[in-house]
Amino acid sequence: MKKHVAGFLGFVNKLEDWFLILTLAVMVVLAVAQIFYRNIFGEGVVWIDPLLRVLVLWVAIAGAVVATRTDNHIRIDFFARYIPKKYIRYMQRSVYAFCVFICGFIAWHAVRFVQMDYEYGTIAFADIPAWVTELVIPAGFFMMAVRYLLLFISPPQQDAR
């Protein structure tokens, strides 16, 4: 069973990595195209700038999910330096549990936010509904909650942090 879970997580990891790579590549191509259009033709494409703003959000959320997967978020290790090593594992698990709660809480309210924009029919740009561009928020925070839950269940070996 563990082999199947590890295989599935490996597949999800690859999907996250490719999503991040492709989104960043699209951002670069669109930004260069917009600069080209502005310098050569004197005006840019109307929908590229708002799309780039949305893609920045998507890259930020995807990067946060990847950072959660590798447990590389910014951390304040003030307490970890002064707590005896035998208690660090408990502190680490309590931090993971707190992160599961917070990410789940944000995901829940992000779903409500997306539902509101869906109900109001808000348009982001170029007749694309805003709720479509915002789906990454609840999805990303849900993925982070799942990642922190996995870290809570099976924390990484303590290193020299």
C-alpha atoms as a PDB file:
ATOM      1  CA  MET A   1       0.000   0.000   0.000  1.00  0.00           C
ATOM      2  CA  LYS A   2       2.800   2.422   0.859  1.00  0.00           C
ATOM      3  CA  LYS A   3       4.278   1.830  -2.583  1.00  0.00           C
ATOM      4  CA  HIS A   4       1.053   2.980  -4.252  1.00  0.00           C
ATOM      5  CA  VAL A   5       0.832   6.077  -2.054  1.00  0.00           C
ATOM      6  CA  ALA A   6       4.462   6.951  -2.770  1.00  0.00           C
ATOM      7  CA  GLY A   7       3.856   6.454  -6.497  1.00  0.00           C
ATOM      8  CA  PHE A   8       0.764   8.653  -6.388  1.00  0.00           C
ATOM      9  CA  LEU A   9       2.599  11.375  -4.435  1.00  0.00           C
ATOM     10  CA  GLY A  10       5.455  11.207  -6.937  1.00  0.00           C
ATOM     11  CA  PHE A  11       2.940  11.722  -9.751  1.00  0.00           C
ATOM     12  CA  VAL A  12       1.346  14.679  -7.913  1.00  0.00           C
ATOM     13  CA  ASN A  13       4.825  16.147  -7.306  1.00  0.00           C
ATOM     14  CA  LYS A  14       5.587  15.975 -11.021  1.00  0.00           C
ATOM     15  CA  LEU A  15       2.246  17.614 -11.855  1.00  0.00           C
ATOM     16  CA  GLU A  16       2.963  20.446  -9.417  1.00  0.00           C
ATOM     17  CA  ASP A  17       6.448  20.936 -10.839  1.00  0.00           C
ATOM     18  CA  TRP A  18       5.220  20.970 -14.430  1.00  0.00           C
ATOM     19  CA  PHE A  19       2.369  23.317 -13.580  1.00  0.00           C
ATOM     20  CA  LEU A  20       4.842  25.725 -12.001  1.00  0.00           C
ATOM     21  CA  ILE A  21       7.295  25.461 -14.920  1.00  0.00           C
ATOM     22  CA  LEU A  22       4.642  25.897 -17.617  1.00  0.00           C
ATOM     23  CA  THR A  23       2.940  28.786 -15.846  1.00  0.00           C
ATOM     24  CA  LEU A  24       6.237  30.596 -15.406  1.00  0.00           C
ATOM     25  CA  ALA A  25       7.172  29.935 -19.055  1.00  0.00           C
ATOM     26  CA  VAL A  26       3.823  31.314 -20.239  1.00  0.00           C
ATOM     27  CA  MET A  27       4.390  34.399 -18.092  1.00  0.00           C
ATOM     28  CA  VAL A  28       7.797  35.022 -19.636  1.00  0.00           C
ATOM     29  CA  VAL A  29       6.536  34.517 -23.198  1.00  0.00           C
ATOM     30  CA  LEU A  30       3.542  36.802 -22.656  1.00  0.00           C
ATOM     31  CA  ALA A  31       5.638  39.511 -21.007  1.00  0.00           C
ATOM     32  CA  VAL A  32       8.164  39.464 -23.855  1.00  0.00           C
ATOM     33  CA  ALA A  33       5.338  39.503 -26.419  1.00  0.00           C
ATOM     34  CA  GLN A  34       3.729  42.482 -24.691  1.00  0.00           C
ATOM     35  CA  ILE A  35       7.033  44.377 -24.699  1.00  0.00           C
ATOM     36  CA  PHE A  36       7.496  43.514 -28.374  1.00  0.00           C
ATOM     37  CA  TYR A  37       3.977  44.675 -29.296  1.00  0.00           C
ATOM     38  CA  ARG A  38       4.379  47.922 -27.373  1.00  0.00           C
ATOM     39  CA  ASN A  39       7.774  48.761 -28.859  1.00  0.00           C
ATOM     40  CA  ILE A  40       7.052  47.688 -32.446  1.00  0.00           C
ATOM     41  CA  PHE A  41       3.358  48.486 -32.854  1.00  0.00           C
ATOM     42  CA  GLY A  42       3.019  51.224 -30.251  1.00  0.00           C
ATOM     43  CA  GLU A  43       0.364  49.415 -28.233  1.00  0.00           C
ATOM     44  CA  GLY A  44       0.070  46.127 -26.441  1.00  0.00           C
ATOM     45  CA  VAL A  45      -2.535  43.417 -26.321  1.00  0.00           C
ATOM     46  CA  VAL A  46      -5.269  44.472 -23.913  1.00  0.00           C
ATOM     47  CA  TRP A  47      -5.713  41.162 -22.069  1.00  0.00           C
ATOM     48  CA  ILE A  48      -2.021  40.286 -21.513  1.00  0.00           C
ATOM     49  CA  ASP A  49      -1.452  42.573 -18.513  1.00  0.00           C
ATOM     50  CA  PRO A  50      -4.436  41.303 -16.474  1.00  0.00           C
ATOM     51  CA  LEU A  51      -3.555  37.718 -17.428  1.00  0.00           C
ATOM     52  CA  LEU A  52       0.009  38.267 -16.217  1.00  0.00           C
ATOM     53  CA  ARG A  53      -1.342  39.522 -12.878  1.00  0.00           C
ATOM     54  CA  VAL A  54      -3.426  36.348 -12.559  1.00  0.00           C
ATOM     55  CA  LEU A  55      -0.453  34.183 -13.504  1.00  0.00           C
ATOM     56  CA  VAL A  56       1.672  35.870 -10.818  1.00  0.00           C
ATOM     57  CA  LEU A  57      -0.929  34.746  -8.290  1.00  0.00           C
ATOM     58  CA  TRP A  58      -0.906  31.233  -9.754  1.00  0.00           C
ATOM     59  CA  VAL A  59       2.901  31.006  -9.645  1.00  0.00           C
ATOM     60  CA  ALA A  60       2.953  32.286  -6.059  1.00  0.00           C
ATOM     61  CA  ILE A  61       0.393  29.705  -4.917  1.00  0.00           C
ATOM     62  CA  ALA A  62       2.084  26.887  -6.858  1.00  0.00           C
ATOM     63  CA  GLY A  63       5.445  27.882  -5.393  1.00  0.00           C
ATOM     64  CA  ALA A  64       3.934  27.831  -1.902  1.00  0.00           C
ATOM     65  CA  VAL A  65       2.581  24.327  -2.518  1.00  0.00           C
ATOM     66  CA  VAL A  66       6.009  23.132  -3.672  1.00  0.00           C
ATOM     67  CA  ALA A  67       7.658  24.799  -0.675  1.00  0.00           C
ATOM     68  CA  THR A  68       5.188  23.010   1.588  1.00  0.00           C
ATOM     69  CA  ARG A  69       5.966  19.701  -0.080  1.00  0.00           C
ATOM     70  CA  THR A  70       9.661  20.098   0.666  1.00  0.00           C
ATOM     71  CA  ASP A  71       9.031  21.739   4.074  1.00  0.00           C
ATOM     72  CA  ASN A  72      10.986  24.813   2.975  1.00  0.00           C
ATOM     73  CA  HIS A  73       8.688  27.616   4.038  1.00  0.00           C
ATOM     74  CA  ILE A  74      10.130  30.527   5.955  1.00  0.00           C
ATOM     75  CA  ARG A  75      10.412  29.556   9.594  1.00  0.00           C
ATOM     76  CA  ILE A  76      11.328  31.244  12.798  1.00  0.00           C
ATOM     77  CA  ASP A  77      13.440  28.806  14.732  1.00  0.00           C
ATOM     78  CA  PHE A  78      13.929  30.897  17.855  1.00  0.00           C
ATOM     79  CA  PHE A  79      12.241  28.334  20.102  1.00  0.00           C
ATOM     80  CA  ALA A  80      13.870  25.383  18.366  1.00  0.00           C
ATOM     81  CA  ARG A  81      17.280  26.672  19.430  1.00  0.00           C
ATOM     82  CA  TYR A  82      16.362  26.723  23.117  1.00  0.00           C
ATOM     83  CA  ILE A  83      14.064  23.721  23.470  1.00  0.00           C
ATOM     84  CA  PRO A  84      15.694  20.411  24.356  1.00  0.00           C
ATOM     85  CA  LYS A  85      16.032  18.157  21.319  1.00  0.00           C
ATOM     86  CA  LYS A  86      13.691  15.537  22.756  1.00  0.00           C
ATOM     87  CA  TYR A  87      10.795  18.053  22.609  1.00  0.00           C
ATOM     88  CA  ILE A  88      11.487  19.435  19.126  1.00  0.00           C
ATOM     89  CA  ARG A  89       9.548  16.649  17.427  1.00  0.00           C
ATOM     90  CA  TYR A  90       6.451  17.543  19.502  1.00  0.00           C
ATOM     91  CA  MET A  91       6.848  21.210  18.717  1.00  0.00           C
ATOM     92  CA  GLN A  92       7.306  20.398  15.029  1.00  0.00           C
ATOM     93  CA  ARG A  93       4.129  18.324  14.983  1.00  0.00           C
ATOM     94  CA  SER A  94       2.176  21.046  16.749  1.00  0.00           C
ATOM     95  CA  VAL A  95       3.350  23.547  14.128  1.00  0.00           C
ATOM     96  CA  TYR A  96       2.259  21.163  11.339  1.00  0.00           C
ATOM     97  CA  ALA A  97      -1.140  20.706  13.012  1.00  0.00           C
ATOM     98  CA  PHE A  98      -1.542  24.481  13.272  1.00  0.00           C
ATOM     99  CA  CYS A  99      -0.599  24.847   9.591  1.00  0.00           C
ATOM    100  CA  VAL A 100      -3.171  22.192   8.610  1.00  0.00           C
ATOM    101  CA  PHE A 101      -5.821  24.148  10.477  1.00  0.00           C
ATOM    102  CA  ILE A 102      -4.839  27.541   9.024  1.00  0.00           C
ATOM    103  CA  CYS A 103      -4.484  26.302   5.429  1.00  0.00           C
ATOM    104  CA  GLY A 104      -7.794  24.434   5.697  1.00  0.00           C
ATOM    105  CA  PHE A 105      -9.449  27.543   7.128  1.00  0.00           C
ATOM    106  CA  ILE A 106      -8.126  29.691   4.278  1.00  0.00           C
ATOM    107  CA  ALA A 107      -9.129  27.067   1.689  1.00  0.00           C
ATOM    108  CA  TRP A 108     -12.661  26.970   3.113  1.00  0.00           C
ATOM    109  CA  HIS A 109     -13.070  30.736   2.950  1.00  0.00           C
ATOM    110  CA  ALA A 110     -11.414  30.878  -0.474  1.00  0.00           C
ATOM    111  CA  VAL A 111     -14.107  28.474  -1.730  1.00  0.00           C
ATOM    112  CA  ARG A 112     -16.730  30.865  -0.363  1.00  0.00           C
ATOM    113  CA  PHE A 113     -14.950  33.773  -2.094  1.00  0.00           C
ATOM    114  CA  VAL A 114     -14.913  31.916  -5.429  1.00  0.00           C
ATOM    115  CA  GLN A 115     -18.598  31.025  -5.006  1.00  0.00           C
ATOM    116  CA  MET A 116     -19.443  34.697  -4.470  1.00  0.00           C
ATOM    117  CA  ASP A 117     -17.662  35.728  -7.651  1.00  0.00           C
ATOM    118  CA  TYR A 118     -19.404  32.897  -9.483  1.00  0.00           C
ATOM    119  CA  GLU A 119     -22.812  34.032  -8.232  1.00  0.00           C
ATOM    120  CA  TYR A 120     -22.157  37.702  -9.031  1.00  0.00           C
ATOM    121  CA  GLY A 121     -20.792  36.889 -12.478  1.00  0.00           C
ATOM    122  CA  THR A 122     -17.675  38.997 -12.032  1.00  0.00           C
ATOM    123  CA  ILE A 123     -15.501  39.186 -15.138  1.00  0.00           C
ATOM    124  CA  ALA A 124     -11.715  39.169 -14.754  1.00  0.00           C
ATOM    125  CA  PHE A 125     -10.723  40.087 -18.303  1.00  0.00           C
ATOM    126  CA  ALA A 126     -11.573  39.183 -21.920  1.00  0.00           C
ATOM    127  CA  ASP A 127     -14.928  37.631 -20.897  1.00  0.00           C
ATOM    128  CA  ILE A 128     -13.167  35.167 -18.576  1.00  0.00           C
ATOM    129  CA  PRO A 129     -15.057  34.853 -15.303  1.00  0.00           C
ATOM    130  CA  ALA A 130     -13.106  35.930 -12.228  1.00  0.00           C
ATOM    131  CA  TRP A 131     -13.984  32.726 -10.381  1.00  0.00           C
ATOM    132  CA  VAL A 132     -12.007  30.695 -12.944  1.00  0.00           C
ATOM    133  CA  THR A 133      -8.886  32.760 -12.309  1.00  0.00           C
ATOM    134  CA  GLU A 134      -9.380  32.471  -8.534  1.00  0.00           C
ATOM    135  CA  LEU A 135      -9.762  28.674  -8.382  1.00  0.00           C
ATOM    136  CA  VAL A 136      -6.057  28.362  -7.680  1.00  0.00           C
ATOM    137  CA  ILE A 137      -6.519  29.917  -4.222  1.00  0.00           C
ATOM    138  CA  PRO A 138      -8.733  27.242  -2.620  1.00  0.00           C
ATOM    139  CA  ALA A 139      -6.989  24.482  -4.574  1.00  0.00           C
ATOM    140  CA  GLY A 140      -3.551  25.659  -3.503  1.00  0.00           C
ATOM    141  CA  PHE A 141      -4.439  26.071   0.162  1.00  0.00           C
ATOM    142  CA  PHE A 142      -6.189  22.708   0.170  1.00  0.00           C
ATOM    143  CA  MET A 143      -3.029  21.125  -1.268  1.00  0.00           C
ATOM    144  CA  MET A 144      -0.923  22.883   1.379  1.00  0.00           C
ATOM    145  CA  ALA A 145      -3.259  21.587   4.110  1.00  0.00           C
ATOM    146  CA  VAL A 146      -2.872  18.058   2.735  1.00  0.00           C
ATOM    147  CA  ARG A 147       0.905  18.442   2.546  1.00  0.00           C
ATOM    148  CA  TYR A 148       1.071  19.669   6.138  1.00  0.00           C
ATOM    149  CA  LEU A 149      -1.175  16.803   7.196  1.00  0.00           C
ATOM    150  CA  LEU A 150       1.282  14.380   5.578  1.00  0.00           C
ATOM    151  CA  LEU A 151       4.150  16.152   7.365  1.00  0.00           C
ATOM    152  CA  PHE A 152       2.207  15.906  10.630  1.00  0.00           C
ATOM    153  CA  ILE A 153       1.662  12.171  10.142  1.00  0.00           C
ATOM    154  CA  SER A 154       5.222  11.497   9.065  1.00  0.00           C
ATOM    155  CA  PRO A 155       7.547  14.413   9.876  1.00  0.00           C
ATOM    156  CA  PRO A 156      10.945  14.570   8.190  1.00  0.00           C
ATOM    157  CA  GLN A 157      13.986  13.611  10.211  1.00  0.00           C
ATOM    158  CA  GLN A 158      15.213  16.498  12.310  1.00  0.00           C
ATOM    159  CA  ASP A 159      18.211  18.212  10.736  1.00  0.00           C
ATOM    160  CA  ALA A 160      20.544  20.832  12.166  1.00  0.00           C
ATOM    161  CA  ARG A 161      18.101  23.742  11.889  1.00  0.00           C
END
